[in-house]
N, C-alpha and C. Protein backbone atom coordinates (compact mmCIF):
# COMPACT_ATOMS: atom_id res chain seq x y z
N MET A 1 -90.26 -5.72 -70.01
CA MET A 1 -91.10 -4.30 -69.52
C MET A 1 -90.48 -4.27 -67.98
N PHE A 2 -90.77 -3.25 -67.74
CA PHE A 2 -90.42 -3.23 -65.88
C PHE A 2 -91.39 -1.62 -65.77
N VAL A 3 -91.88 -1.28 -64.62
CA VAL A 3 -92.39 -0.29 -64.24
C VAL A 3 -91.11 0.48 -63.78
N LYS A 4 -90.85 1.90 -64.48
CA LYS A 4 -89.69 2.76 -63.80
C LYS A 4 -90.53 3.57 -62.85
N GLY A 5 -91.40 4.07 -62.71
CA GLY A 5 -91.67 5.14 -61.98
C GLY A 5 -93.18 4.95 -61.89
N VAL A 6 -93.72 5.34 -60.32
CA VAL A 6 -95.29 5.38 -60.28
C VAL A 6 -95.44 6.87 -59.94
N GLY A 7 -97.08 7.41 -60.09
CA GLY A 7 -97.65 8.81 -59.89
C GLY A 7 -98.85 8.84 -59.29
N MET A 8 -99.54 9.25 -58.52
CA MET A 8 -101.06 9.08 -58.13
C MET A 8 -101.61 9.88 -57.38
N THR A 9 -102.84 10.73 -57.49
CA THR A 9 -103.27 11.19 -57.02
C THR A 9 -103.59 10.88 -55.79
N LYS A 10 -104.47 11.96 -54.67
CA LYS A 10 -105.10 11.23 -53.65
C LYS A 10 -106.81 10.84 -53.55
N PHE A 11 -106.69 10.19 -52.99
CA PHE A 11 -108.47 9.63 -53.84
C PHE A 11 -109.28 10.39 -52.73
N GLY A 12 -110.26 10.60 -53.39
CA GLY A 12 -111.49 11.61 -52.59
C GLY A 12 -112.26 12.45 -53.13
N THR A 13 -113.05 13.40 -52.61
CA THR A 13 -113.82 14.22 -53.24
C THR A 13 -113.11 15.41 -53.41
N GLY A 14 -113.41 16.36 -54.09
CA GLY A 14 -112.95 17.32 -54.09
C GLY A 14 -113.03 18.32 -55.67
N ASN A 15 -112.74 19.29 -56.37
CA ASN A 15 -112.88 20.34 -56.87
C ASN A 15 -111.99 20.10 -58.02
N ARG A 16 -111.03 19.23 -58.24
CA ARG A 16 -109.71 19.55 -59.20
C ARG A 16 -110.36 18.79 -60.42
N SER A 17 -109.88 19.30 -61.51
CA SER A 17 -110.06 18.99 -62.65
C SER A 17 -109.38 17.29 -62.79
N SER A 18 -110.13 16.83 -64.18
CA SER A 18 -109.32 15.57 -64.54
C SER A 18 -107.94 15.85 -64.81
N GLN A 19 -107.56 17.14 -65.70
CA GLN A 19 -106.82 17.57 -66.24
C GLN A 19 -105.42 17.85 -65.28
N GLU A 20 -105.80 18.53 -64.19
CA GLU A 20 -105.24 18.77 -62.70
C GLU A 20 -104.31 17.46 -62.03
N MET A 21 -105.67 16.47 -62.07
CA MET A 21 -104.80 15.03 -61.65
C MET A 21 -104.09 14.14 -62.25
N ILE A 22 -104.54 14.50 -63.71
CA ILE A 22 -103.47 14.09 -64.58
C ILE A 22 -102.26 14.34 -64.49
N TYR A 23 -101.96 15.67 -64.37
CA TYR A 23 -100.65 15.97 -64.79
C TYR A 23 -100.02 15.86 -63.22
N GLU A 24 -100.57 16.18 -62.03
CA GLU A 24 -99.80 15.42 -61.19
C GLU A 24 -99.39 14.35 -60.99
N ALA A 25 -100.36 13.35 -61.34
CA ALA A 25 -99.66 11.72 -61.19
C ALA A 25 -98.86 11.56 -62.35
N ALA A 26 -98.68 11.96 -63.58
CA ALA A 26 -97.99 11.96 -64.52
C ALA A 26 -96.64 12.47 -64.15
N PHE A 27 -96.70 13.66 -63.83
CA PHE A 27 -95.32 14.29 -63.72
C PHE A 27 -94.63 13.50 -62.10
N GLU A 28 -95.22 13.15 -61.34
CA GLU A 28 -95.00 12.43 -60.39
C GLU A 28 -94.13 11.07 -60.55
N ALA A 29 -95.18 10.37 -61.28
CA ALA A 29 -94.68 9.01 -62.38
C ALA A 29 -93.03 9.04 -63.18
N LEU A 30 -93.02 10.53 -64.07
CA LEU A 30 -91.96 11.00 -64.58
C LEU A 30 -90.54 11.06 -63.69
N GLN A 31 -91.20 11.87 -62.53
CA GLN A 31 -89.81 12.15 -61.24
C GLN A 31 -89.37 10.81 -60.99
N ASP A 32 -90.37 10.30 -60.06
CA ASP A 32 -90.11 9.13 -59.59
C ASP A 32 -89.02 7.86 -60.37
N ALA A 33 -89.53 8.19 -62.12
CA ALA A 33 -88.47 7.27 -63.03
C ALA A 33 -87.40 8.09 -63.72
N GLY A 34 -87.14 9.50 -63.05
CA GLY A 34 -85.95 10.29 -63.64
C GLY A 34 -85.88 10.37 -64.91
N MET A 35 -87.46 10.60 -65.09
CA MET A 35 -87.38 11.21 -66.38
C MET A 35 -88.21 12.38 -67.04
N SER A 36 -88.04 12.84 -68.22
CA SER A 36 -88.80 13.59 -68.63
C SER A 36 -89.76 13.65 -69.54
N MET A 37 -91.03 14.35 -69.77
CA MET A 37 -92.10 14.19 -70.90
C MET A 37 -91.10 13.87 -72.09
N LYS A 38 -89.97 14.88 -72.35
CA LYS A 38 -89.30 14.31 -73.69
C LYS A 38 -88.73 12.87 -74.18
N ASP A 39 -88.97 12.32 -72.79
CA ASP A 39 -87.92 10.21 -73.05
C ASP A 39 -89.12 9.67 -73.41
N ILE A 40 -90.62 10.75 -73.15
CA ILE A 40 -91.78 9.28 -73.45
C ILE A 40 -92.15 9.22 -75.31
N GLU A 41 -92.38 7.94 -75.64
CA GLU A 41 -92.59 7.94 -77.14
C GLU A 41 -93.78 7.88 -77.28
N GLY A 42 -94.29 7.10 -76.29
CA GLY A 42 -96.11 6.93 -76.79
C GLY A 42 -97.20 7.12 -75.30
N VAL A 43 -98.18 7.37 -75.32
CA VAL A 43 -99.18 7.06 -73.89
C VAL A 43 -100.41 6.34 -74.27
N VAL A 44 -100.44 5.89 -73.17
CA VAL A 44 -101.14 4.76 -73.00
C VAL A 44 -102.38 5.41 -72.15
N VAL A 45 -103.78 5.92 -72.36
CA VAL A 45 -104.82 6.06 -71.30
C VAL A 45 -105.76 5.72 -71.39
N THR A 46 -106.54 5.45 -70.33
CA THR A 46 -107.74 4.56 -69.93
C THR A 46 -108.41 5.55 -68.75
N ASN A 47 -109.64 5.32 -69.16
CA ASN A 47 -110.55 5.87 -68.54
C ASN A 47 -111.87 5.50 -69.03
N MET A 48 -113.68 5.89 -68.26
CA MET A 48 -114.39 5.44 -68.91
C MET A 48 -115.60 6.26 -69.50
N ASP A 49 -115.13 7.50 -69.77
CA ASP A 49 -115.79 8.86 -70.42
C ASP A 49 -117.03 9.01 -70.08
N PHE A 50 -117.65 9.25 -68.61
CA PHE A 50 -118.58 9.82 -68.27
C PHE A 50 -119.24 10.55 -68.37
N PHE A 51 -120.59 10.88 -68.69
CA PHE A 51 -121.35 12.25 -69.59
C PHE A 51 -121.28 12.95 -68.54
N SER A 52 -121.76 12.43 -67.12
CA SER A 52 -122.18 13.82 -66.46
C SER A 52 -121.01 14.64 -65.33
N ASN A 53 -120.04 14.35 -65.50
CA ASN A 53 -118.62 14.54 -64.50
C ASN A 53 -118.26 16.16 -64.87
N GLY A 54 -119.42 16.78 -65.79
CA GLY A 54 -119.14 18.28 -65.90
C GLY A 54 -118.05 18.98 -66.64
N GLU A 55 -117.15 17.92 -67.27
CA GLU A 55 -116.24 18.14 -67.65
C GLU A 55 -116.27 18.50 -69.65
N ARG A 56 -117.25 17.83 -69.70
CA ARG A 56 -117.23 18.14 -71.29
C ARG A 56 -116.43 17.65 -72.09
N GLN A 57 -115.45 16.70 -71.58
CA GLN A 57 -114.36 16.12 -72.71
C GLN A 57 -114.41 14.92 -73.20
N ARG A 58 -114.88 14.56 -74.15
CA ARG A 58 -114.98 13.68 -75.52
C ARG A 58 -113.71 13.19 -76.18
N HIS A 59 -112.61 13.80 -75.76
CA HIS A 59 -111.47 13.36 -76.66
C HIS A 59 -110.00 13.32 -75.73
N SER A 60 -110.36 12.34 -75.18
CA SER A 60 -108.87 12.19 -73.82
C SER A 60 -108.09 12.19 -74.71
N ALA A 61 -107.26 11.70 -75.74
CA ALA A 61 -106.39 11.95 -76.17
C ALA A 61 -105.60 13.11 -76.95
N SER A 62 -106.48 13.88 -77.38
CA SER A 62 -106.09 15.18 -77.34
C SER A 62 -105.66 15.86 -76.65
N MET A 63 -106.69 15.89 -75.32
CA MET A 63 -106.32 16.65 -74.36
C MET A 63 -105.01 15.96 -73.31
N ILE A 64 -104.94 14.81 -73.44
CA ILE A 64 -103.86 14.43 -72.84
C ILE A 64 -102.43 14.75 -73.32
N ASN A 65 -102.16 15.33 -74.89
CA ASN A 65 -101.36 15.68 -75.84
C ASN A 65 -100.99 17.54 -75.22
N SER A 66 -102.13 17.96 -74.59
CA SER A 66 -102.06 19.31 -74.69
C SER A 66 -101.92 19.56 -72.70
N VAL A 67 -102.27 18.75 -71.94
CA VAL A 67 -101.91 19.02 -70.47
C VAL A 67 -100.37 18.45 -70.44
N LEU A 68 -100.01 17.42 -70.75
CA LEU A 68 -98.28 17.15 -70.64
C LEU A 68 -97.97 17.68 -71.85
N ASN A 69 -98.14 18.81 -72.62
CA ASN A 69 -97.03 19.92 -73.38
C ASN A 69 -96.34 18.27 -74.75
N THR A 70 -97.28 17.41 -74.99
CA THR A 70 -96.42 16.43 -76.08
C THR A 70 -97.07 16.22 -77.37
N LYS A 71 -96.08 15.60 -78.05
CA LYS A 71 -96.66 15.40 -79.24
C LYS A 71 -96.69 13.95 -79.49
N ALA A 72 -96.29 13.20 -78.45
CA ALA A 72 -96.30 11.63 -78.55
C ALA A 72 -97.43 11.25 -78.40
N GLN A 73 -97.37 10.24 -79.42
CA GLN A 73 -98.66 9.12 -80.04
C GLN A 73 -99.66 8.92 -78.79
N VAL A 74 -100.71 9.43 -78.65
CA VAL A 74 -101.63 9.00 -77.32
C VAL A 74 -102.57 7.63 -77.77
N ILE A 75 -102.81 6.48 -77.26
CA ILE A 75 -103.70 5.69 -77.63
C ILE A 75 -104.63 5.49 -76.21
N ARG A 76 -105.81 5.69 -76.82
CA ARG A 76 -107.29 5.70 -75.87
C ARG A 76 -107.62 4.28 -75.69
N ILE A 77 -107.60 3.67 -74.23
CA ILE A 77 -107.98 2.12 -73.61
C ILE A 77 -109.55 2.66 -73.10
N ILE A 78 -110.45 1.85 -73.45
CA ILE A 78 -111.96 1.89 -72.70
C ILE A 78 -112.00 0.76 -72.57
N SER A 79 -112.13 -0.07 -71.15
CA SER A 79 -112.51 -1.24 -70.59
C SER A 79 -113.06 -1.25 -69.43
N GLY A 80 -113.69 -0.40 -68.85
CA GLY A 80 -114.06 -0.35 -67.68
C GLY A 80 -113.21 -0.56 -66.35
N CYS A 81 -113.82 -1.60 -65.71
CA CYS A 81 -112.82 -2.16 -64.81
C CYS A 81 -111.43 -2.52 -64.89
N SER A 82 -111.70 -3.09 -66.04
CA SER A 82 -109.73 -3.80 -66.71
C SER A 82 -108.91 -3.01 -67.40
N GLY A 83 -109.60 -1.55 -67.04
CA GLY A 83 -108.83 -0.32 -68.21
C GLY A 83 -107.19 -0.11 -67.63
N GLY A 84 -106.92 -0.57 -65.97
CA GLY A 84 -105.20 -0.47 -66.37
C GLY A 84 -104.60 -1.41 -66.51
N GLY A 85 -105.29 -2.97 -66.28
CA GLY A 85 -104.20 -3.91 -66.85
C GLY A 85 -104.21 -4.13 -68.21
N ASN A 86 -105.78 -3.38 -69.08
CA ASN A 86 -105.51 -3.45 -70.50
C ASN A 86 -104.56 -2.67 -70.80
N ALA A 87 -104.44 -1.03 -70.29
CA ALA A 87 -103.50 -0.39 -70.83
C ALA A 87 -101.96 -0.39 -70.29
N VAL A 88 -101.36 -1.19 -69.66
CA VAL A 88 -100.28 -1.58 -69.30
C VAL A 88 -99.89 -2.89 -70.30
N TRP A 89 -100.81 -3.75 -70.81
CA TRP A 89 -100.75 -4.61 -71.84
C TRP A 89 -100.41 -4.09 -73.32
N ALA A 90 -100.85 -3.22 -73.51
CA ALA A 90 -101.19 -2.10 -74.75
C ALA A 90 -99.88 -1.80 -74.97
N GLY A 91 -99.52 -0.40 -73.68
CA GLY A 91 -98.33 -0.03 -73.58
C GLY A 91 -97.14 -1.41 -73.43
N GLN A 92 -97.19 -2.34 -73.13
CA GLN A 92 -95.77 -3.09 -73.19
C GLN A 92 -95.76 -3.59 -74.82
N ASN A 93 -96.71 -3.68 -75.34
CA ASN A 93 -96.77 -4.17 -76.46
C ASN A 93 -96.55 -2.91 -77.83
N LEU A 94 -96.57 -1.81 -77.62
CA LEU A 94 -95.83 -0.88 -78.88
C LEU A 94 -94.66 -1.20 -78.87
N ASP A 95 -94.46 -0.62 -80.06
CA ASP A 95 -92.70 -0.54 -80.34
C ASP A 95 -91.96 0.72 -80.00
N TYR A 96 -92.24 0.93 -78.67
CA TYR A 96 -91.79 2.16 -77.99
C TYR A 96 -90.60 1.37 -76.81
N ASN A 97 -89.92 2.02 -76.19
CA ASN A 97 -89.12 2.08 -75.45
C ASN A 97 -89.48 2.66 -73.82
N ASN A 98 -90.14 3.83 -74.08
CA ASN A 98 -90.70 4.38 -72.97
C ASN A 98 -92.07 4.88 -72.85
N VAL A 99 -93.06 4.31 -72.30
CA VAL A 99 -94.38 4.95 -72.50
C VAL A 99 -95.06 4.67 -71.24
N LEU A 100 -95.98 6.03 -71.25
CA LEU A 100 -96.07 6.53 -70.14
C LEU A 100 -97.82 5.94 -69.85
N VAL A 101 -98.46 5.50 -68.89
CA VAL A 101 -99.66 4.74 -69.13
C VAL A 101 -100.31 5.49 -67.85
N ILE A 102 -101.56 5.90 -68.37
CA ILE A 102 -102.26 6.73 -67.43
C ILE A 102 -103.54 6.15 -67.01
N GLY A 103 -104.07 6.41 -66.25
CA GLY A 103 -105.60 5.59 -65.95
C GLY A 103 -106.40 6.78 -64.99
N PHE A 104 -107.43 7.26 -65.20
CA PHE A 104 -108.20 8.66 -64.74
C PHE A 104 -109.69 8.13 -64.25
N GLU A 105 -109.93 8.77 -63.64
CA GLU A 105 -111.64 8.89 -63.23
C GLU A 105 -111.80 9.65 -62.85
N LYS A 106 -113.33 10.86 -63.07
CA LYS A 106 -113.85 11.84 -62.21
C LYS A 106 -114.97 10.99 -61.79
N LEU A 107 -115.55 11.01 -60.50
CA LEU A 107 -116.89 10.72 -60.80
C LEU A 107 -117.34 11.61 -59.58
N VAL A 108 -118.62 12.18 -59.79
CA VAL A 108 -119.20 13.10 -59.22
C VAL A 108 -120.38 12.57 -58.56
N ALA A 109 -121.03 13.56 -56.88
CA ALA A 109 -121.71 13.41 -56.09
C ALA A 109 -123.34 13.72 -57.21
N GLY A 110 -124.20 13.24 -56.66
CA GLY A 110 -125.54 13.81 -57.42
C GLY A 110 -126.57 12.31 -57.40
N ASN A 111 -127.20 12.64 -58.51
CA ASN A 111 -128.19 11.69 -58.37
C ASN A 111 -128.25 10.29 -58.91
N THR A 112 -128.25 9.59 -57.69
CA THR A 112 -127.71 8.15 -57.59
C THR A 112 -128.42 7.03 -58.96
N ASP A 113 -129.40 7.29 -59.48
CA ASP A 113 -130.00 6.59 -60.75
C ASP A 113 -129.18 7.15 -62.07
N ALA A 114 -128.82 8.24 -62.07
CA ALA A 114 -128.12 8.72 -62.95
C ALA A 114 -126.66 8.45 -63.26
N ARG A 115 -125.86 8.11 -61.87
CA ARG A 115 -124.68 7.71 -62.02
C ARG A 115 -124.71 6.02 -62.04
N THR A 116 -125.66 5.82 -61.50
CA THR A 116 -125.84 3.92 -61.44
C THR A 116 -126.01 3.81 -62.90
N ASP A 117 -126.77 4.38 -63.76
CA ASP A 117 -126.83 3.90 -64.89
C ASP A 117 -125.93 4.80 -65.94
N GLU A 118 -125.15 5.75 -65.82
CA GLU A 118 -123.62 5.93 -66.15
C GLU A 118 -122.52 4.78 -66.52
N ILE A 119 -122.58 4.03 -65.08
CA ILE A 119 -121.73 3.12 -64.84
C ILE A 119 -122.12 1.19 -65.07
N LEU A 120 -123.23 1.56 -65.29
CA LEU A 120 -123.80 0.56 -66.02
C LEU A 120 -123.76 0.36 -67.82
N MET A 121 -123.35 1.49 -68.15
CA MET A 121 -122.92 1.50 -69.52
C MET A 121 -121.55 0.91 -70.07
N GLY A 122 -120.95 0.48 -68.84
CA GLY A 122 -119.81 -0.08 -69.24
C GLY A 122 -120.02 -1.62 -69.63
N GLY A 123 -120.94 -2.12 -69.18
CA GLY A 123 -121.63 -3.39 -69.67
C GLY A 123 -122.65 -3.48 -70.28
N GLU A 124 -123.15 -4.81 -70.54
CA GLU A 124 -124.09 -5.00 -72.18
C GLU A 124 -125.06 -4.98 -71.63
N ARG A 125 -126.37 -4.35 -72.02
CA ARG A 125 -127.47 -4.15 -71.72
C ARG A 125 -128.56 -5.32 -71.77
N ILE A 126 -128.23 -5.43 -73.03
CA ILE A 126 -129.48 -6.81 -73.48
C ILE A 126 -129.26 -8.09 -72.76
N TYR A 127 -128.15 -8.91 -72.76
CA TYR A 127 -127.80 -9.75 -72.11
C TYR A 127 -127.44 -9.94 -70.67
N GLU A 128 -126.13 -9.13 -70.45
CA GLU A 128 -125.78 -9.11 -69.04
C GLU A 128 -126.68 -8.74 -67.69
N GLN A 129 -126.78 -7.14 -67.96
CA GLN A 129 -127.95 -6.77 -67.60
C GLN A 129 -129.24 -7.47 -67.06
N ALA A 130 -129.89 -7.69 -68.09
CA ALA A 130 -131.04 -8.55 -68.12
C ALA A 130 -131.02 -9.69 -67.26
N GLU A 131 -129.63 -10.20 -67.42
CA GLU A 131 -129.56 -11.74 -66.32
C GLU A 131 -128.95 -11.20 -65.07
N GLY A 132 -128.60 -9.55 -64.57
CA GLY A 132 -128.23 -9.16 -63.38
C GLY A 132 -126.72 -9.10 -63.35
N MET A 133 -126.09 -9.42 -64.24
CA MET A 133 -124.90 -9.30 -64.36
C MET A 133 -124.36 -7.98 -64.52
N ILE A 134 -124.42 -6.94 -63.34
CA ILE A 134 -124.25 -5.90 -63.46
C ILE A 134 -122.39 -5.47 -62.65
N PHE A 135 -122.14 -5.08 -62.56
CA PHE A 135 -120.39 -4.97 -62.28
C PHE A 135 -120.14 -5.59 -60.47
N PRO A 136 -121.22 -5.06 -59.84
CA PRO A 136 -120.71 -5.60 -58.85
C PRO A 136 -120.80 -7.30 -58.38
N ALA A 137 -121.99 -7.27 -59.24
CA ALA A 137 -122.17 -8.95 -59.39
C ALA A 137 -120.78 -9.37 -59.86
N GLN A 138 -120.63 -8.95 -60.98
CA GLN A 138 -119.31 -9.75 -61.98
C GLN A 138 -118.16 -9.75 -60.60
N ASN A 139 -118.12 -8.45 -59.94
CA ASN A 139 -116.82 -8.61 -59.25
C ASN A 139 -116.84 -9.49 -58.07
N ALA A 140 -118.34 -9.72 -57.48
CA ALA A 140 -118.43 -10.62 -56.43
C ALA A 140 -118.27 -12.34 -56.83
N LEU A 141 -118.24 -12.24 -57.83
CA LEU A 141 -118.30 -13.61 -58.41
C LEU A 141 -116.62 -13.93 -58.52
N VAL A 142 -115.92 -12.81 -59.04
CA VAL A 142 -114.51 -13.09 -59.19
C VAL A 142 -113.83 -13.34 -57.88
N ALA A 143 -114.26 -12.29 -57.06
CA ALA A 143 -114.09 -12.26 -55.75
C ALA A 143 -114.42 -13.58 -54.81
N GLN A 144 -115.25 -14.44 -55.34
CA GLN A 144 -115.70 -15.70 -54.63
C GLN A 144 -114.57 -16.62 -55.36
N GLN A 145 -114.30 -16.86 -56.65
CA GLN A 145 -113.47 -17.60 -56.86
C GLN A 145 -111.84 -17.32 -56.19
N HIS A 146 -111.92 -15.78 -56.35
CA HIS A 146 -110.45 -15.78 -55.39
C HIS A 146 -110.21 -16.58 -54.01
N MET A 147 -111.08 -16.65 -53.43
CA MET A 147 -111.57 -17.16 -52.19
C MET A 147 -111.09 -18.45 -52.62
N LEU A 148 -111.87 -19.19 -53.19
CA LEU A 148 -111.85 -20.89 -53.27
C LEU A 148 -110.25 -20.93 -54.11
N LYS A 149 -109.88 -20.20 -54.76
CA LYS A 149 -108.42 -20.58 -55.12
C LYS A 149 -107.14 -20.56 -54.11
N TYR A 150 -107.53 -18.86 -53.42
CA TYR A 150 -106.37 -18.88 -52.93
C TYR A 150 -106.52 -18.59 -51.40
N GLY A 151 -108.16 -19.17 -51.01
CA GLY A 151 -107.89 -19.20 -49.38
C GLY A 151 -108.44 -17.79 -48.52
N THR A 152 -108.70 -16.57 -49.73
CA THR A 152 -108.57 -15.28 -49.50
C THR A 152 -110.04 -15.22 -48.40
N THR A 153 -110.03 -14.46 -47.38
CA THR A 153 -111.25 -14.52 -46.63
C THR A 153 -111.67 -13.14 -46.93
N GLU A 154 -113.25 -13.16 -46.15
CA GLU A 154 -113.82 -11.99 -46.28
C GLU A 154 -113.33 -10.79 -45.48
N ASP A 155 -112.77 -11.33 -44.24
CA ASP A 155 -111.53 -10.38 -43.75
C ASP A 155 -110.75 -9.81 -44.51
N ASP A 156 -110.07 -10.56 -44.98
CA ASP A 156 -108.96 -9.85 -46.37
C ASP A 156 -109.51 -8.72 -47.06
N PHE A 157 -110.61 -9.08 -47.70
CA PHE A 157 -110.95 -8.07 -48.60
C PHE A 157 -111.74 -6.91 -47.82
N ALA A 158 -112.29 -6.88 -46.39
CA ALA A 158 -112.83 -5.86 -45.93
C ALA A 158 -111.30 -4.92 -45.64
N GLN A 159 -110.24 -5.60 -45.51
CA GLN A 159 -108.72 -4.77 -45.14
C GLN A 159 -108.62 -4.17 -46.27
N VAL A 160 -108.93 -4.53 -47.55
CA VAL A 160 -108.63 -3.64 -48.36
C VAL A 160 -109.45 -2.49 -48.85
N ALA A 161 -110.52 -2.69 -48.42
CA ALA A 161 -111.76 -1.46 -48.53
C ALA A 161 -111.50 -0.76 -47.17
N LEU A 162 -111.01 -0.98 -46.23
CA LEU A 162 -110.85 -0.28 -45.27
C LEU A 162 -109.70 0.67 -45.34
N LYS A 163 -108.60 0.18 -46.16
CA LYS A 163 -107.43 0.68 -46.67
C LYS A 163 -107.59 1.65 -47.82
N ASN A 164 -108.35 1.60 -48.43
CA ASN A 164 -108.79 2.54 -49.56
C ASN A 164 -109.89 3.45 -49.16
N HIS A 165 -110.59 3.22 -48.46
CA HIS A 165 -111.85 4.22 -48.05
C HIS A 165 -110.89 5.16 -46.72
N GLU A 166 -109.57 4.84 -46.06
CA GLU A 166 -108.70 5.51 -45.41
C GLU A 166 -107.87 6.39 -46.26
N ASN A 167 -108.09 6.56 -47.87
CA ASN A 167 -106.93 7.13 -48.56
C ASN A 167 -107.70 8.20 -48.99
N ARG A 168 -108.34 9.02 -47.96
CA ARG A 168 -109.38 10.19 -48.60
C ARG A 168 -108.67 11.24 -48.69
């Protein structure tokens, strides 16, 4: 398995639809790979399916077929922060030579409580959340283990945050 091409949209705020961003990133990846959608045998897509992004699109797989004008099989993976990794894993385990993997999210500004509640829906409510194991806490524990194992510093993480925030 190897990655033939990569495409992405610019991070930041804006009024673009998920469909527009998916189209841009997918065709940039195909161009980077020297391929077209006709070469793609399967598509794996991952997103969290938020209620409040205003798009009212619950069936991402059929939307992907329409946006990319393809009849390729589309498989959807919903797994929160690990969606990208799980989608790549699923793609490499399909019996296809050329798989397009797409990850997308569209968060919107607004009521912080409502957004927080939606993000928490990716986690388990009864045990994890009651014990304080919300995503920031889980990611902090992973970061702490990374620091212990690899000697990563807080400054290293700060540089990643700086890079991500400059990519607006």
